[in-house]
Amino acid sequence: MADKLSEDERISLQKELEHLREEHRDLDAAIEALLHLGTTDRLQVQRLKKRKLVLRDRIVYLEDQLTPDIIA
């Protein structure tokens, strides 16, 4: 798939990928902060973790789109 992308598409996907990675890291930090407070809202933590999983799936998808297919 990666060899079929135009340069503009590749750049756009890379920018989105970086944005998603940053958001994923921010969610990690937010979850850790909530857990260290002690008065954790379990529902809020659960929602953040779910959002983190959705981001991870999208990150994996984009990485797959940017990686050239290798025929073994």
N, C-alpha and C. Protein backbone atom coordinates (compact mmCIF):
# COMPACT_ATOMS: atom_id res chain seq x y z
N MET A 1 0.82 -1.19 0.00
CA MET A 1 0.00 0.00 0.00
C MET A 1 0.86 1.25 0.00
N ALA A 2 1.97 1.22 0.73
CA ALA A 2 2.80 2.41 0.88
C ALA A 2 3.37 2.88 -0.44
N ASP A 3 3.65 1.97 -1.37
CA ASP A 3 4.21 2.38 -2.64
C ASP A 3 3.17 3.00 -3.56
N LYS A 4 1.88 2.91 -3.21
CA LYS A 4 0.80 3.49 -4.01
C LYS A 4 0.42 4.89 -3.53
N LEU A 5 1.01 5.36 -2.44
CA LEU A 5 0.67 6.67 -1.88
C LEU A 5 1.44 7.78 -2.59
N SER A 6 0.76 8.89 -2.82
CA SER A 6 1.47 10.05 -3.33
C SER A 6 2.27 10.67 -2.18
N GLU A 7 3.16 11.56 -2.51
CA GLU A 7 3.98 12.20 -1.48
C GLU A 7 3.11 13.00 -0.52
N ASP A 8 2.10 13.69 -1.04
CA ASP A 8 1.19 14.46 -0.19
C ASP A 8 0.41 13.56 0.76
N GLU A 9 -0.04 12.41 0.25
CA GLU A 9 -0.77 11.46 1.10
C GLU A 9 0.14 10.91 2.19
N ARG A 10 1.37 10.60 1.82
CA ARG A 10 2.34 10.07 2.79
C ARG A 10 2.60 11.10 3.90
N ILE A 11 2.78 12.35 3.51
CA ILE A 11 3.04 13.41 4.49
C ILE A 11 1.83 13.59 5.41
N SER A 12 0.65 13.56 4.82
CA SER A 12 -0.58 13.71 5.61
C SER A 12 -0.73 12.57 6.62
N LEU A 13 -0.47 11.35 6.18
CA LEU A 13 -0.55 10.20 7.09
C LEU A 13 0.50 10.28 8.19
N GLN A 14 1.69 10.73 7.86
CA GLN A 14 2.74 10.86 8.86
C GLN A 14 2.39 11.92 9.91
N LYS A 15 1.80 13.01 9.46
CA LYS A 15 1.38 14.06 10.40
C LYS A 15 0.29 13.55 11.33
N GLU A 16 -0.69 12.84 10.76
CA GLU A 16 -1.75 12.27 11.58
C GLU A 16 -1.19 11.26 12.57
N LEU A 17 -0.25 10.47 12.12
CA LEU A 17 0.38 9.47 12.97
C LEU A 17 1.09 10.12 14.15
N GLU A 18 1.83 11.17 13.90
CA GLU A 18 2.52 11.88 14.98
C GLU A 18 1.53 12.49 15.97
N HIS A 19 0.46 13.06 15.44
CA HIS A 19 -0.57 13.65 16.30
C HIS A 19 -1.20 12.57 17.20
N LEU A 20 -1.51 11.42 16.63
CA LEU A 20 -2.11 10.33 17.39
C LEU A 20 -1.16 9.78 18.44
N ARG A 21 0.11 9.68 18.10
CA ARG A 21 1.11 9.21 19.07
C ARG A 21 1.22 10.17 20.25
N GLU A 22 1.18 11.46 19.95
CA GLU A 22 1.24 12.47 21.01
C GLU A 22 0.01 12.38 21.91
N GLU A 23 -1.15 12.24 21.30
CA GLU A 23 -2.38 12.11 22.08
C GLU A 23 -2.36 10.85 22.94
N HIS A 24 -1.81 9.77 22.40
CA HIS A 24 -1.68 8.50 23.13
C HIS A 24 -0.79 8.69 24.36
N ARG A 25 0.33 9.40 24.17
CA ARG A 25 1.24 9.67 25.30
C ARG A 25 0.56 10.55 26.35
N ASP A 26 -0.20 11.55 25.89
CA ASP A 26 -0.92 12.43 26.80
C ASP A 26 -1.95 11.66 27.63
N LEU A 27 -2.64 10.72 26.99
CA LEU A 27 -3.61 9.90 27.71
C LEU A 27 -2.91 9.04 28.76
N ASP A 28 -1.74 8.52 28.42
CA ASP A 28 -0.95 7.76 29.39
C ASP A 28 -0.68 8.60 30.63
N ALA A 29 -0.24 9.82 30.39
CA ALA A 29 0.08 10.73 31.49
C ALA A 29 -1.17 11.07 32.31
N ALA A 30 -2.28 11.29 31.64
CA ALA A 30 -3.53 11.63 32.33
C ALA A 30 -4.00 10.46 33.19
N ILE A 31 -3.92 9.26 32.65
CA ILE A 31 -4.33 8.07 33.41
C ILE A 31 -3.45 7.89 34.64
N GLU A 32 -2.15 8.03 34.45
CA GLU A 32 -1.22 7.90 35.58
C GLU A 32 -1.51 8.94 36.64
N ALA A 33 -1.76 10.17 36.22
CA ALA A 33 -2.05 11.25 37.18
C ALA A 33 -3.31 10.94 37.96
N LEU A 34 -4.34 10.47 37.28
CA LEU A 34 -5.58 10.13 37.98
C LEU A 34 -5.37 8.99 38.98
N LEU A 35 -4.61 8.01 38.59
CA LEU A 35 -4.37 6.87 39.47
C LEU A 35 -3.55 7.27 40.70
N HIS A 36 -2.64 8.22 40.54
CA HIS A 36 -1.81 8.66 41.67
C HIS A 36 -2.56 9.58 42.62
N LEU A 37 -3.67 10.17 42.18
CA LEU A 37 -4.44 11.04 43.05
C LEU A 37 -5.12 10.28 44.18
N GLY A 38 -5.44 9.03 43.91
CA GLY A 38 -6.06 8.22 44.95
C GLY A 38 -7.58 8.28 44.94
N THR A 39 -8.14 9.42 44.61
CA THR A 39 -9.60 9.55 44.53
C THR A 39 -10.01 9.41 43.07
N THR A 40 -9.71 8.26 42.54
CA THR A 40 -9.88 8.02 41.12
C THR A 40 -11.33 7.79 40.75
N ASP A 41 -11.75 8.44 39.71
CA ASP A 41 -13.04 8.18 39.10
C ASP A 41 -12.83 7.02 38.13
N ARG A 42 -13.25 5.84 38.53
CA ARG A 42 -12.98 4.63 37.75
C ARG A 42 -13.60 4.71 36.36
N LEU A 43 -14.76 5.34 36.25
CA LEU A 43 -15.42 5.47 34.95
C LEU A 43 -14.59 6.36 34.02
N GLN A 44 -14.05 7.43 34.57
CA GLN A 44 -13.22 8.32 33.76
C GLN A 44 -11.95 7.61 33.29
N VAL A 45 -11.32 6.86 34.18
CA VAL A 45 -10.12 6.11 33.81
C VAL A 45 -10.45 5.08 32.73
N GLN A 46 -11.58 4.41 32.89
CA GLN A 46 -12.01 3.41 31.91
C GLN A 46 -12.22 4.06 30.53
N ARG A 47 -12.84 5.23 30.52
CA ARG A 47 -13.06 5.93 29.25
C ARG A 47 -11.74 6.35 28.60
N LEU A 48 -10.81 6.83 29.42
CA LEU A 48 -9.50 7.21 28.89
C LEU A 48 -8.76 6.01 28.31
N LYS A 49 -8.85 4.89 29.00
CA LYS A 49 -8.19 3.67 28.51
C LYS A 49 -8.82 3.19 27.21
N LYS A 50 -10.13 3.31 27.10
CA LYS A 50 -10.81 2.91 25.88
C LYS A 50 -10.38 3.81 24.73
N ARG A 51 -10.32 5.11 24.98
CA ARG A 51 -9.86 6.06 23.95
C ARG A 51 -8.43 5.73 23.53
N LYS A 52 -7.61 5.36 24.50
CA LYS A 52 -6.23 5.00 24.22
C LYS A 52 -6.15 3.78 23.30
N LEU A 53 -7.02 2.79 23.52
CA LEU A 53 -7.05 1.61 22.66
C LEU A 53 -7.49 1.95 21.24
N VAL A 54 -8.47 2.85 21.12
CA VAL A 54 -8.92 3.28 19.79
C VAL A 54 -7.77 3.98 19.06
N LEU A 55 -7.05 4.83 19.78
CA LEU A 55 -5.90 5.51 19.18
C LEU A 55 -4.85 4.51 18.74
N ARG A 56 -4.60 3.51 19.59
CA ARG A 56 -3.58 2.50 19.26
C ARG A 56 -3.95 1.75 17.99
N ASP A 57 -5.22 1.40 17.85
CA ASP A 57 -5.67 0.72 16.63
C ASP A 57 -5.44 1.60 15.40
N ARG A 58 -5.75 2.88 15.51
CA ARG A 58 -5.56 3.79 14.38
C ARG A 58 -4.07 3.97 14.08
N ILE A 59 -3.25 4.03 15.11
CA ILE A 59 -1.79 4.16 14.92
C ILE A 59 -1.27 2.94 14.16
N VAL A 60 -1.68 1.76 14.57
CA VAL A 60 -1.23 0.53 13.90
C VAL A 60 -1.68 0.53 12.43
N TYR A 61 -2.92 0.96 12.20
CA TYR A 61 -3.43 1.02 10.83
C TYR A 61 -2.58 1.98 9.97
N LEU A 62 -2.30 3.16 10.49
CA LEU A 62 -1.51 4.14 9.74
C LEU A 62 -0.09 3.64 9.50
N GLU A 63 0.50 3.02 10.51
CA GLU A 63 1.85 2.47 10.33
C GLU A 63 1.85 1.42 9.23
N ASP A 64 0.80 0.62 9.18
CA ASP A 64 0.68 -0.39 8.14
C ASP A 64 0.55 0.25 6.76
N GLN A 65 -0.19 1.36 6.68
CA GLN A 65 -0.35 2.06 5.41
C GLN A 65 0.97 2.67 4.92
N LEU A 66 1.81 3.07 5.86
CA LEU A 66 3.08 3.72 5.51
C LEU A 66 4.22 2.74 5.27
N THR A 67 4.03 1.48 5.64
CA THR A 67 5.07 0.47 5.49
C THR A 67 4.88 -0.26 4.17
N PRO A 68 5.92 -0.32 3.35
CA PRO A 68 5.78 -1.01 2.07
C PRO A 68 5.57 -2.52 2.28
N ASP A 69 4.77 -3.10 1.39
CA ASP A 69 4.54 -4.54 1.44
C ASP A 69 5.81 -5.27 1.01
N ILE A 70 6.15 -6.31 1.74
CA ILE A 70 7.31 -7.12 1.42
C ILE A 70 6.83 -8.51 1.08
N ILE A 71 7.12 -8.94 -0.10
CA ILE A 71 6.73 -10.29 -0.52
C ILE A 71 7.87 -11.24 -0.19
N ALA A 72 7.58 -12.21 0.66
CA ALA A 72 8.63 -13.15 1.09
C ALA A 72 8.67 -14.34 0.17
